[in-house]
Each structure stands twice: as C-alpha cells, then as structure tokens.
Amino acid sequence: MANFLVWVVWFGAAFACLVSALAVVSFRNPFYSALALIGNLASLAVLFLLLSGEFVAAGQVLVYGGAVMVMFLFVIAYLGDKSEESPWSGGPSWQVVGAVLAGGAILAEVIVVVGLKAGDFLSSPHHVGRAFGSPASVGRLFLTDHLLAFEVTSIVLLVAAVGGVVLGSHARRTEEPSLESRARA
C-alpha cells in the first residue's frame, strides 16, 4: 500500500509539474505566469522529497519559490502591464513553428541518448547513501565542484534584477508627461 501511495504522489507531482510548466509559457499575464512558476517549483520540491532530498526540496521552496519569485514578482509589478497584441493572432509564425520543431528534435535526442546510456542501469535498484541531499553534501558540491556555476548564477540573477529596474525606470520615464507639459495644461 505504501508503494502504491508513493506512485500516486509521484504521478500527481509529475502531472502538476508538466501542467504548471505549460501554464508558465501559455499565460498572457506575466503575474499569472509567475504564480504558475511557483506551482512548478513546489511540485519539483515534492519530487525531490520522494528522492529523499529533503534539504534540496527545502532549498527549492525557500530560495526559488520564495526569494527568486519575490524578485520576479517585484520586477513584473515594477514594469507594469504592457498588454500588446497576442503573438498568436493570425496564426503561429515560422519562428514559433521552427522553435517547436527544434524543441521536439532535442527532446527526442535526449530520450534516445538517455535510453542508450542507461541500458539496464535503470532496471536495477541502487543504494542511495544517507548523505544524499544533506546540507553538508550539497554545500561541499556547491563550493568545490560547482563553485563557478554557483557564482555565475548569482551574477546572472543580480544582472537580471538590475536590468529589470533599469527597464522599468526607462519605461516609466517615457510614459510620464514632463513637468513642462503638465505646467502648460
């Protein structure tokens, strides 16, 4: 019964992950897209919990679902609603069709490569050590093997935040009437 419950939770979290990922890219309102991304991050945290990665799941919820999404929502609120014509009006363009075809080809390649490399590797259960997903093992990996990627990610997030503020201030400056035009009115 417990194994059945694990599978039910896994399929539920996987379904929620896929649905929320599709919602992120299909919603026209960026605020709703950001909320769907929070749902996606939460469903990924459930999948990490099923893999016994409690620390990684907590980090997923606190860091990405909390701090990074607050920054995204701040930038969305700062930039305001910039409703434009739908990119789907008049049918999909050749760029959209090409992107979907390229994405499908890459997905097929990944599935084939994983299937060939895995072989019988995935059919037998493997032992997962007690240190898997612990704060010590995650911190050791971040600060030794993946230090450059960890620091580059922090710089990219900083640049994204500064870029959002700069774009928002530029957009507000062009929309607001100048003091002279307000004084003439």
N, C-alpha and C. Protein backbone atom coordinates (compact mmCIF):
# COMPACT_ATOMS: atom_id res chain seq x y z
N MET A 1 0.83 -1.20 0.00
CA MET A 1 0.00 0.00 0.00
C MET A 1 0.87 1.26 0.00
N ALA A 2 1.97 1.23 0.76
CA ALA A 2 2.83 2.41 0.82
C ALA A 2 3.48 2.68 -0.54
N ASN A 3 3.87 1.61 -1.24
CA ASN A 3 4.47 1.78 -2.56
C ASN A 3 3.46 2.37 -3.54
N PHE A 4 2.19 1.95 -3.43
CA PHE A 4 1.14 2.50 -4.28
C PHE A 4 0.95 3.99 -4.02
N LEU A 5 0.99 4.38 -2.74
CA LEU A 5 0.83 5.79 -2.38
C LEU A 5 1.99 6.63 -2.91
N VAL A 6 3.20 6.09 -2.88
CA VAL A 6 4.35 6.81 -3.42
C VAL A 6 4.16 7.05 -4.92
N TRP A 7 3.68 6.03 -5.63
CA TRP A 7 3.45 6.19 -7.07
C TRP A 7 2.36 7.20 -7.35
N VAL A 8 1.31 7.21 -6.54
CA VAL A 8 0.22 8.18 -6.73
C VAL A 8 0.75 9.60 -6.53
N VAL A 9 1.54 9.80 -5.47
CA VAL A 9 2.11 11.12 -5.22
C VAL A 9 3.07 11.51 -6.34
N TRP A 10 3.87 10.54 -6.81
CA TRP A 10 4.82 10.83 -7.89
C TRP A 10 4.09 11.25 -9.16
N PHE A 11 3.07 10.49 -9.56
CA PHE A 11 2.33 10.84 -10.77
C PHE A 11 1.60 12.17 -10.60
N GLY A 12 1.06 12.43 -9.42
CA GLY A 12 0.40 13.72 -9.17
C GLY A 12 1.37 14.88 -9.26
N ALA A 13 2.56 14.73 -8.66
CA ALA A 13 3.56 15.80 -8.70
C ALA A 13 4.11 15.99 -10.12
N ALA A 14 4.32 14.88 -10.83
CA ALA A 14 4.81 14.98 -12.21
C ALA A 14 3.78 15.65 -13.10
N PHE A 15 2.51 15.29 -12.92
CA PHE A 15 1.44 15.93 -13.71
C PHE A 15 1.35 17.42 -13.39
N ALA A 16 1.41 17.76 -12.10
CA ALA A 16 1.37 19.17 -11.70
C ALA A 16 2.57 19.93 -12.25
N CYS A 17 3.71 19.28 -12.28
CA CYS A 17 4.92 19.91 -12.82
C CYS A 17 4.75 20.23 -14.30
N LEU A 18 4.24 19.27 -15.07
CA LEU A 18 4.05 19.48 -16.51
C LEU A 18 2.97 20.53 -16.79
N VAL A 19 1.86 20.45 -16.07
CA VAL A 19 0.76 21.40 -16.30
C VAL A 19 1.19 22.81 -15.93
N SER A 20 1.87 22.96 -14.80
CA SER A 20 2.29 24.31 -14.40
C SER A 20 3.38 24.85 -15.33
N ALA A 21 4.23 23.98 -15.86
CA ALA A 21 5.24 24.44 -16.82
C ALA A 21 4.57 24.93 -18.11
N LEU A 22 3.55 24.21 -18.57
CA LEU A 22 2.81 24.68 -19.74
C LEU A 22 2.08 25.98 -19.44
N ALA A 23 1.57 26.13 -18.23
CA ALA A 23 0.88 27.36 -17.85
C ALA A 23 1.85 28.54 -17.82
N VAL A 24 3.09 28.31 -17.42
CA VAL A 24 4.07 29.40 -17.37
C VAL A 24 4.25 30.02 -18.75
N VAL A 25 4.35 29.19 -19.76
CA VAL A 25 4.61 29.71 -21.10
C VAL A 25 3.36 30.05 -21.88
N SER A 26 2.17 29.66 -21.40
CA SER A 26 0.96 29.94 -22.16
C SER A 26 0.13 31.10 -21.62
N PHE A 27 0.29 31.48 -20.36
CA PHE A 27 -0.48 32.61 -19.83
C PHE A 27 -0.01 33.91 -20.46
N ARG A 28 -0.96 34.78 -20.78
CA ARG A 28 -0.60 36.07 -21.36
C ARG A 28 -0.21 37.07 -20.26
N ASN A 29 -0.78 36.92 -19.09
CA ASN A 29 -0.49 37.82 -17.98
C ASN A 29 0.79 37.33 -17.28
N PRO A 30 1.83 38.17 -17.20
CA PRO A 30 3.08 37.71 -16.57
C PRO A 30 2.93 37.39 -15.09
N PHE A 31 1.98 38.02 -14.41
CA PHE A 31 1.77 37.72 -13.00
C PHE A 31 1.27 36.28 -12.83
N TYR A 32 0.32 35.87 -13.67
CA TYR A 32 -0.17 34.50 -13.61
C TYR A 32 0.91 33.51 -14.00
N SER A 33 1.76 33.89 -14.94
CA SER A 33 2.89 33.02 -15.31
C SER A 33 3.83 32.82 -14.13
N ALA A 34 4.09 33.89 -13.39
CA ALA A 34 4.96 33.78 -12.22
C ALA A 34 4.32 32.91 -11.14
N LEU A 35 3.01 33.02 -10.96
CA LEU A 35 2.34 32.15 -9.99
C LEU A 35 2.38 30.69 -10.44
N ALA A 36 2.24 30.46 -11.75
CA ALA A 36 2.35 29.09 -12.25
C ALA A 36 3.76 28.56 -12.06
N LEU A 37 4.77 29.42 -12.16
CA LEU A 37 6.15 29.00 -11.92
C LEU A 37 6.35 28.62 -10.46
N ILE A 38 5.69 29.32 -9.55
CA ILE A 38 5.75 28.94 -8.14
C ILE A 38 5.15 27.55 -7.95
N GLY A 39 4.04 27.26 -8.62
CA GLY A 39 3.44 25.92 -8.56
C GLY A 39 4.38 24.86 -9.13
N ASN A 40 5.10 25.21 -10.20
CA ASN A 40 6.06 24.28 -10.78
C ASN A 40 7.19 23.99 -9.81
N LEU A 41 7.70 25.03 -9.17
CA LEU A 41 8.79 24.84 -8.21
C LEU A 41 8.33 24.00 -7.01
N ALA A 42 7.08 24.19 -6.58
CA ALA A 42 6.57 23.40 -5.47
C ALA A 42 6.42 21.93 -5.85
N SER A 43 5.95 21.66 -7.08
CA SER A 43 5.82 20.26 -7.50
C SER A 43 7.19 19.61 -7.68
N LEU A 44 8.19 20.39 -8.10
CA LEU A 44 9.55 19.85 -8.16
C LEU A 44 10.07 19.53 -6.76
N ALA A 45 9.71 20.35 -5.78
CA ALA A 45 10.12 20.08 -4.40
C ALA A 45 9.52 18.77 -3.91
N VAL A 46 8.28 18.48 -4.30
CA VAL A 46 7.67 17.20 -3.91
C VAL A 46 8.45 16.04 -4.54
N LEU A 47 8.85 16.20 -5.80
CA LEU A 47 9.65 15.15 -6.44
C LEU A 47 10.99 14.96 -5.73
N PHE A 48 11.62 16.07 -5.29
CA PHE A 48 12.86 15.95 -4.53
C PHE A 48 12.63 15.23 -3.20
N LEU A 49 11.49 15.49 -2.57
CA LEU A 49 11.18 14.79 -1.32
C LEU A 49 11.04 13.29 -1.55
N LEU A 50 10.45 12.91 -2.67
CA LEU A 50 10.32 11.48 -2.98
C LEU A 50 11.67 10.83 -3.23
N LEU A 51 12.67 11.63 -3.60
CA LEU A 51 14.03 11.11 -3.82
C LEU A 51 14.87 11.18 -2.54
N SER A 52 14.25 11.50 -1.42
CA SER A 52 14.91 11.64 -0.12
C SER A 52 15.91 12.79 -0.09
N GLY A 53 15.63 13.82 -0.86
CA GLY A 53 16.47 15.01 -0.86
C GLY A 53 15.76 16.14 -0.12
N GLU A 54 15.62 15.98 1.20
CA GLU A 54 14.85 16.95 1.99
C GLU A 54 15.47 18.34 1.95
N PHE A 55 16.79 18.40 2.02
CA PHE A 55 17.46 19.71 2.01
C PHE A 55 17.29 20.39 0.66
N VAL A 56 17.41 19.63 -0.41
CA VAL A 56 17.25 20.20 -1.75
C VAL A 56 15.81 20.66 -1.94
N ALA A 57 14.84 19.91 -1.43
CA ALA A 57 13.44 20.31 -1.53
C ALA A 57 13.18 21.59 -0.74
N ALA A 58 13.74 21.68 0.45
CA ALA A 58 13.57 22.91 1.25
C ALA A 58 14.24 24.09 0.57
N GLY A 59 15.42 23.87 0.01
CA GLY A 59 16.08 24.95 -0.73
C GLY A 59 15.29 25.37 -1.95
N GLN A 60 14.68 24.41 -2.62
CA GLN A 60 13.84 24.71 -3.79
C GLN A 60 12.70 25.63 -3.40
N VAL A 61 12.04 25.33 -2.30
CA VAL A 61 10.89 26.13 -1.88
C VAL A 61 11.34 27.49 -1.34
N LEU A 62 12.36 27.49 -0.47
CA LEU A 62 12.77 28.74 0.16
C LEU A 62 13.50 29.68 -0.79
N VAL A 63 14.47 29.15 -1.52
CA VAL A 63 15.29 30.02 -2.36
C VAL A 63 14.56 30.39 -3.64
N TYR A 64 14.11 29.38 -4.39
CA TYR A 64 13.49 29.68 -5.67
C TYR A 64 12.04 30.09 -5.52
N GLY A 65 11.25 29.29 -4.81
CA GLY A 65 9.84 29.61 -4.63
C GLY A 65 9.63 30.85 -3.79
N GLY A 66 10.58 31.18 -2.94
CA GLY A 66 10.45 32.36 -2.08
C GLY A 66 11.20 33.55 -2.61
N ALA A 67 12.50 33.55 -2.46
CA ALA A 67 13.31 34.74 -2.73
C ALA A 67 13.33 35.12 -4.21
N VAL A 68 13.62 34.17 -5.08
CA VAL A 68 13.73 34.50 -6.50
C VAL A 68 12.37 34.90 -7.07
N MET A 69 11.30 34.21 -6.66
CA MET A 69 9.99 34.56 -7.19
C MET A 69 9.51 35.91 -6.66
N VAL A 70 9.90 36.28 -5.45
CA VAL A 70 9.57 37.62 -4.95
C VAL A 70 10.25 38.66 -5.84
N MET A 71 11.51 38.38 -6.23
CA MET A 71 12.19 39.30 -7.13
C MET A 71 11.48 39.38 -8.48
N PHE A 72 11.07 38.22 -9.04
CA PHE A 72 10.34 38.21 -10.31
C PHE A 72 9.05 39.01 -10.20
N LEU A 73 8.30 38.78 -9.13
CA LEU A 73 7.03 39.50 -8.96
C LEU A 73 7.27 40.99 -8.76
N PHE A 74 8.35 41.37 -8.09
CA PHE A 74 8.68 42.78 -7.95
C PHE A 74 8.96 43.40 -9.31
N VAL A 75 9.72 42.73 -10.14
CA VAL A 75 10.03 43.26 -11.46
C VAL A 75 8.77 43.34 -12.31
N ILE A 76 7.90 42.34 -12.24
CA ILE A 76 6.65 42.36 -13.00
C ILE A 76 5.79 43.53 -12.54
N ALA A 77 5.69 43.72 -11.23
CA ALA A 77 4.89 44.83 -10.72
C ALA A 77 5.52 46.17 -11.07
N TYR A 78 6.83 46.24 -11.09
CA TYR A 78 7.52 47.49 -11.39
C TYR A 78 7.37 47.86 -12.86
N LEU A 79 7.45 46.88 -13.73
CA LEU A 79 7.31 47.16 -15.16
C LEU A 79 5.86 47.45 -15.54
N GLY A 80 4.91 46.95 -14.77
CA GLY A 80 3.52 47.22 -15.04
C GLY A 80 2.97 46.35 -16.15
N ASP A 81 1.72 46.58 -16.48
CA ASP A 81 1.04 45.80 -17.51
C ASP A 81 1.34 46.39 -18.87
N LYS A 82 2.02 45.67 -19.67
CA LYS A 82 2.36 46.10 -21.03
C LYS A 82 1.61 45.18 -22.00
N SER A 83 0.29 45.35 -22.04
CA SER A 83 -0.51 44.49 -22.91
C SER A 83 -0.24 44.85 -24.37
N GLU A 84 0.14 43.85 -25.10
CA GLU A 84 0.37 44.02 -26.53
C GLU A 84 -0.51 43.03 -27.25
N GLU A 85 -0.48 43.11 -28.56
CA GLU A 85 -1.25 42.16 -29.34
C GLU A 85 -0.69 40.76 -29.10
N SER A 86 -1.58 39.80 -29.08
CA SER A 86 -1.17 38.42 -28.82
C SER A 86 -0.22 37.93 -29.90
N PRO A 87 0.83 37.22 -29.51
CA PRO A 87 1.73 36.68 -30.53
C PRO A 87 1.07 35.59 -31.37
N TRP A 88 -0.10 35.08 -30.93
CA TRP A 88 -0.76 34.02 -31.67
C TRP A 88 -1.82 34.56 -32.62
N SER A 89 -2.04 35.89 -32.66
CA SER A 89 -3.05 36.40 -33.57
C SER A 89 -2.57 36.23 -35.01
N GLY A 90 -3.44 35.71 -35.84
CA GLY A 90 -3.07 35.46 -37.23
C GLY A 90 -2.36 34.14 -37.41
N GLY A 91 -2.32 33.29 -36.41
CA GLY A 91 -1.66 32.00 -36.53
C GLY A 91 -0.21 32.08 -36.12
N PRO A 92 0.39 30.93 -35.89
CA PRO A 92 1.79 30.92 -35.46
C PRO A 92 2.73 31.32 -36.60
N SER A 93 3.78 32.02 -36.25
CA SER A 93 4.76 32.44 -37.25
C SER A 93 5.73 31.29 -37.54
N TRP A 94 6.56 31.48 -38.52
CA TRP A 94 7.53 30.44 -38.88
C TRP A 94 8.55 30.25 -37.76
N GLN A 95 8.80 31.30 -36.96
CA GLN A 95 9.74 31.17 -35.85
C GLN A 95 9.18 30.26 -34.77
N VAL A 96 7.89 30.38 -34.50
CA VAL A 96 7.26 29.54 -33.49
C VAL A 96 7.25 28.09 -33.96
N VAL A 97 6.90 27.87 -35.21
CA VAL A 97 6.87 26.51 -35.75
C VAL A 97 8.28 25.91 -35.71
N GLY A 98 9.29 26.71 -36.09
CA GLY A 98 10.67 26.24 -36.05
C GLY A 98 11.14 25.93 -34.64
N ALA A 99 10.74 26.77 -33.68
CA ALA A 99 11.13 26.54 -32.30
C ALA A 99 10.50 25.27 -31.75
N VAL A 100 9.23 25.03 -32.08
CA VAL A 100 8.57 23.81 -31.62
C VAL A 100 9.22 22.58 -32.24
N LEU A 101 9.52 22.65 -33.53
CA LEU A 101 10.18 21.52 -34.19
C LEU A 101 11.58 21.26 -33.61
N ALA A 102 12.34 22.33 -33.38
CA ALA A 102 13.68 22.17 -32.80
C ALA A 102 13.60 21.62 -31.38
N GLY A 103 12.65 22.11 -30.60
CA GLY A 103 12.47 21.59 -29.24
C GLY A 103 12.08 20.12 -29.25
N GLY A 104 11.20 19.72 -30.17
CA GLY A 104 10.83 18.32 -30.28
C GLY A 104 12.01 17.44 -30.69
N ALA A 105 12.85 17.95 -31.61
CA ALA A 105 14.03 17.18 -32.03
C ALA A 105 15.02 17.02 -30.88
N ILE A 106 15.22 18.07 -30.11
CA ILE A 106 16.14 17.99 -28.98
C ILE A 106 15.59 17.03 -27.92
N LEU A 107 14.28 17.07 -27.67
CA LEU A 107 13.67 16.15 -26.71
C LEU A 107 13.85 14.70 -27.17
N ALA A 108 13.64 14.44 -28.46
CA ALA A 108 13.82 13.08 -28.97
C ALA A 108 15.27 12.63 -28.82
N GLU A 109 16.22 13.53 -29.09
CA GLU A 109 17.63 13.19 -28.93
C GLU A 109 17.97 12.87 -27.48
N VAL A 110 17.45 13.66 -26.55
CA VAL A 110 17.72 13.42 -25.13
C VAL A 110 17.16 12.08 -24.70
N ILE A 111 15.95 11.76 -25.15
CA ILE A 111 15.35 10.48 -24.79
C ILE A 111 16.16 9.31 -25.34
N VAL A 112 16.61 9.43 -26.58
CA VAL A 112 17.40 8.36 -27.19
C VAL A 112 18.73 8.20 -26.46
N VAL A 113 19.42 9.31 -26.17
CA VAL A 113 20.72 9.23 -25.51
C VAL A 113 20.58 8.66 -24.10
N VAL A 114 19.59 9.11 -23.36
CA VAL A 114 19.39 8.58 -22.01
C VAL A 114 19.05 7.11 -22.07
N GLY A 115 18.21 6.71 -23.03
CA GLY A 115 17.85 5.31 -23.17
C GLY A 115 19.05 4.44 -23.53
N LEU A 116 19.91 4.93 -24.42
CA LEU A 116 21.07 4.15 -24.81
C LEU A 116 22.12 4.08 -23.71
N LYS A 117 22.34 5.19 -23.05
CA LYS A 117 23.36 5.22 -21.99
C LYS A 117 22.91 4.46 -20.75
N ALA A 118 21.60 4.53 -20.45
CA ALA A 118 21.12 3.88 -19.24
C ALA A 118 21.09 2.36 -19.39
N GLY A 119 20.59 1.90 -20.51
CA GLY A 119 20.52 0.45 -20.74
C GLY A 119 19.83 -0.25 -19.58
N ASP A 120 20.49 -1.22 -18.98
CA ASP A 120 19.95 -1.93 -17.84
C ASP A 120 20.25 -1.24 -16.52
N PHE A 121 20.90 -0.10 -16.60
CA PHE A 121 21.29 0.65 -15.40
C PHE A 121 20.05 1.07 -14.59
N LEU A 122 18.96 1.43 -15.28
CA LEU A 122 17.77 1.91 -14.59
C LEU A 122 16.88 0.79 -14.10
N SER A 123 17.09 -0.44 -14.56
CA SER A 123 16.19 -1.52 -14.19
C SER A 123 16.49 -2.11 -12.82
N SER A 124 17.70 -1.92 -12.32
CA SER A 124 18.02 -2.47 -11.00
C SER A 124 18.11 -1.34 -9.98
N PRO A 125 17.59 -1.58 -8.76
CA PRO A 125 17.66 -0.52 -7.74
C PRO A 125 19.10 -0.31 -7.26
N HIS A 126 19.41 0.91 -6.94
CA HIS A 126 20.74 1.26 -6.45
C HIS A 126 20.65 1.83 -5.05
N HIS A 127 21.71 1.64 -4.31
CA HIS A 127 21.75 2.14 -2.95
C HIS A 127 22.03 3.65 -2.95
N VAL A 128 21.22 4.37 -2.22
CA VAL A 128 21.42 5.81 -2.05
C VAL A 128 21.92 6.02 -0.63
N GLY A 129 23.09 6.63 -0.50
CA GLY A 129 23.68 6.84 0.82
C GLY A 129 22.91 7.82 1.67
N ARG A 130 23.16 7.79 2.96
CA ARG A 130 22.48 8.70 3.89
C ARG A 130 22.86 10.15 3.66
N ALA A 131 24.02 10.39 3.05
CA ALA A 131 24.47 11.77 2.85
C ALA A 131 23.82 12.42 1.63
N PHE A 132 23.06 11.66 0.84
CA PHE A 132 22.43 12.22 -0.35
C PHE A 132 21.44 13.31 0.03
N GLY A 133 21.64 14.51 -0.51
CA GLY A 133 20.73 15.61 -0.25
C GLY A 133 20.92 16.30 1.08
N SER A 134 21.94 15.92 1.84
CA SER A 134 22.16 16.56 3.14
C SER A 134 22.81 17.93 2.92
N PRO A 135 22.67 18.84 3.88
CA PRO A 135 23.30 20.15 3.73
C PRO A 135 24.81 20.06 3.53
N ALA A 136 25.46 19.13 4.18
CA ALA A 136 26.92 19.01 4.05
C ALA A 136 27.31 18.58 2.64
N SER A 137 26.61 17.60 2.09
CA SER A 137 26.98 17.14 0.74
C SER A 137 26.63 18.17 -0.32
N VAL A 138 25.50 18.85 -0.18
CA VAL A 138 25.13 19.89 -1.14
C VAL A 138 26.12 21.05 -1.06
N GLY A 139 26.44 21.48 0.15
CA GLY A 139 27.40 22.57 0.32
C GLY A 139 28.78 22.22 -0.21
N ARG A 140 29.21 20.99 0.01
CA ARG A 140 30.51 20.54 -0.49
C ARG A 140 30.53 20.58 -2.02
N LEU A 141 29.45 20.12 -2.65
CA LEU A 141 29.38 20.16 -4.12
C LEU A 141 29.35 21.60 -4.64
N PHE A 142 28.56 22.46 -3.99
CA PHE A 142 28.49 23.85 -4.44
C PHE A 142 29.83 24.56 -4.33
N LEU A 143 30.56 24.31 -3.26
CA LEU A 143 31.77 25.08 -3.00
C LEU A 143 33.04 24.40 -3.50
N THR A 144 32.92 23.24 -4.12
CA THR A 144 34.11 22.59 -4.71
C THR A 144 33.89 22.37 -6.20
N ASP A 145 33.09 21.38 -6.56
CA ASP A 145 32.94 21.00 -7.96
C ASP A 145 32.16 22.03 -8.79
N HIS A 146 31.17 22.69 -8.19
CA HIS A 146 30.29 23.57 -8.95
C HIS A 146 30.38 25.02 -8.49
N LEU A 147 31.53 25.44 -8.01
CA LEU A 147 31.68 26.80 -7.50
C LEU A 147 31.50 27.84 -8.60
N LEU A 148 32.08 27.61 -9.76
CA LEU A 148 31.98 28.58 -10.85
C LEU A 148 30.52 28.73 -11.29
N ALA A 149 29.81 27.64 -11.47
CA ALA A 149 28.40 27.71 -11.88
C ALA A 149 27.55 28.40 -10.80
N PHE A 150 27.86 28.13 -9.54
CA PHE A 150 27.13 28.75 -8.43
C PHE A 150 27.32 30.27 -8.44
N GLU A 151 28.55 30.73 -8.64
CA GLU A 151 28.82 32.17 -8.66
C GLU A 151 28.29 32.84 -9.92
N VAL A 152 28.38 32.16 -11.06
CA VAL A 152 27.84 32.73 -12.30
C VAL A 152 26.33 32.89 -12.18
N THR A 153 25.66 31.94 -11.55
CA THR A 153 24.22 32.04 -11.35
C THR A 153 23.87 33.24 -10.49
N SER A 154 24.63 33.48 -9.44
CA SER A 154 24.35 34.64 -8.59
C SER A 154 24.57 35.94 -9.35
N ILE A 155 25.57 35.99 -10.21
CA ILE A 155 25.81 37.21 -11.00
C ILE A 155 24.70 37.41 -12.02
N VAL A 156 24.24 36.33 -12.65
CA VAL A 156 23.15 36.44 -13.62
C VAL A 156 21.88 36.94 -12.94
N LEU A 157 21.58 36.45 -11.74
CA LEU A 157 20.40 36.93 -11.01
C LEU A 157 20.54 38.40 -10.64
N LEU A 158 21.73 38.83 -10.26
CA LEU A 158 21.95 40.23 -9.94
C LEU A 158 21.77 41.10 -11.18
N VAL A 159 22.31 40.67 -12.30
CA VAL A 159 22.16 41.43 -13.55
C VAL A 159 20.69 41.49 -13.96
N ALA A 160 19.95 40.39 -13.76
CA ALA A 160 18.52 40.39 -14.09
C ALA A 160 17.75 41.38 -13.23
N ALA A 161 18.07 41.45 -11.95
CA ALA A 161 17.39 42.39 -11.07
C ALA A 161 17.70 43.83 -11.45
N VAL A 162 18.97 44.12 -11.71
CA VAL A 162 19.35 45.48 -12.10
C VAL A 162 18.74 45.83 -13.46
N GLY A 163 18.74 44.88 -14.38
CA GLY A 163 18.15 45.12 -15.70
C GLY A 163 16.66 45.39 -15.60
N GLY A 164 15.95 44.68 -14.74
CA GLY A 164 14.53 44.93 -14.56
C GLY A 164 14.26 46.32 -14.01
N VAL A 165 15.07 46.75 -13.07
CA VAL A 165 14.90 48.10 -12.51
C VAL A 165 15.21 49.15 -13.56
N VAL A 166 16.27 48.96 -14.34
CA VAL A 166 16.63 49.93 -15.38
C VAL A 166 15.54 49.99 -16.44
N LEU A 167 15.06 48.85 -16.91
CA LEU A 167 13.99 48.84 -17.92
C LEU A 167 12.72 49.48 -17.37
N GLY A 168 12.40 49.19 -16.11
CA GLY A 168 11.21 49.78 -15.51
C GLY A 168 11.31 51.28 -15.36
N SER A 169 12.47 51.78 -14.98
CA SER A 169 12.61 53.23 -14.83
C SER A 169 12.59 53.91 -16.18
N HIS A 170 13.15 53.27 -17.20
CA HIS A 170 13.12 53.85 -18.55
C HIS A 170 11.69 53.88 -19.08
N ALA A 171 10.92 52.81 -18.85
CA ALA A 171 9.53 52.77 -19.32
C ALA A 171 8.68 53.79 -18.60
N ARG A 172 8.90 53.98 -17.32
CA ARG A 172 8.12 54.97 -16.57
C ARG A 172 8.49 56.39 -17.01
N ARG A 173 9.75 56.61 -17.32
CA ARG A 173 10.20 57.93 -17.73
C ARG A 173 9.58 58.32 -19.07
N THR A 174 9.42 57.39 -19.99
CA THR A 174 8.84 57.72 -21.30
C THR A 174 7.33 57.86 -21.23
N GLU A 175 6.67 57.22 -20.26
CA GLU A 175 5.22 57.30 -20.16
C GLU A 175 4.76 58.55 -19.41
N GLU A 176 5.52 59.01 -18.43
CA GLU A 176 5.10 60.15 -17.63
C GLU A 176 5.29 61.43 -18.42
N PRO A 177 4.29 62.32 -18.40
CA PRO A 177 4.47 63.60 -19.08
C PRO A 177 5.50 64.45 -18.33
N SER A 178 6.19 65.24 -19.06
CA SER A 178 7.23 66.07 -18.45
C SER A 178 6.59 67.16 -17.60
N LEU A 179 7.40 67.78 -16.74
CA LEU A 179 6.91 68.85 -15.87
C LEU A 179 6.43 70.04 -16.69
N GLU A 180 7.11 70.33 -17.80
CA GLU A 180 6.72 71.46 -18.62
C GLU A 180 5.34 71.24 -19.26
N SER A 181 5.09 70.04 -19.76
CA SER A 181 3.78 69.79 -20.39
C SER A 181 2.67 69.79 -19.34
N ARG A 182 2.98 69.36 -18.12
CA ARG A 182 1.95 69.41 -17.07
C ARG A 182 1.70 70.86 -16.63
N ALA A 183 2.74 71.68 -16.65
CA ALA A 183 2.56 73.08 -16.24
C ALA A 183 1.75 73.85 -17.28
N ARG A 184 1.87 73.50 -18.56
CA ARG A 184 1.12 74.19 -19.61
C ARG A 184 -0.35 73.83 -19.56
N ALA A 185 -0.67 72.64 -19.07
CA ALA A 185 -2.07 72.19 -19.09
C ALA A 185 -2.92 72.83 -18.03
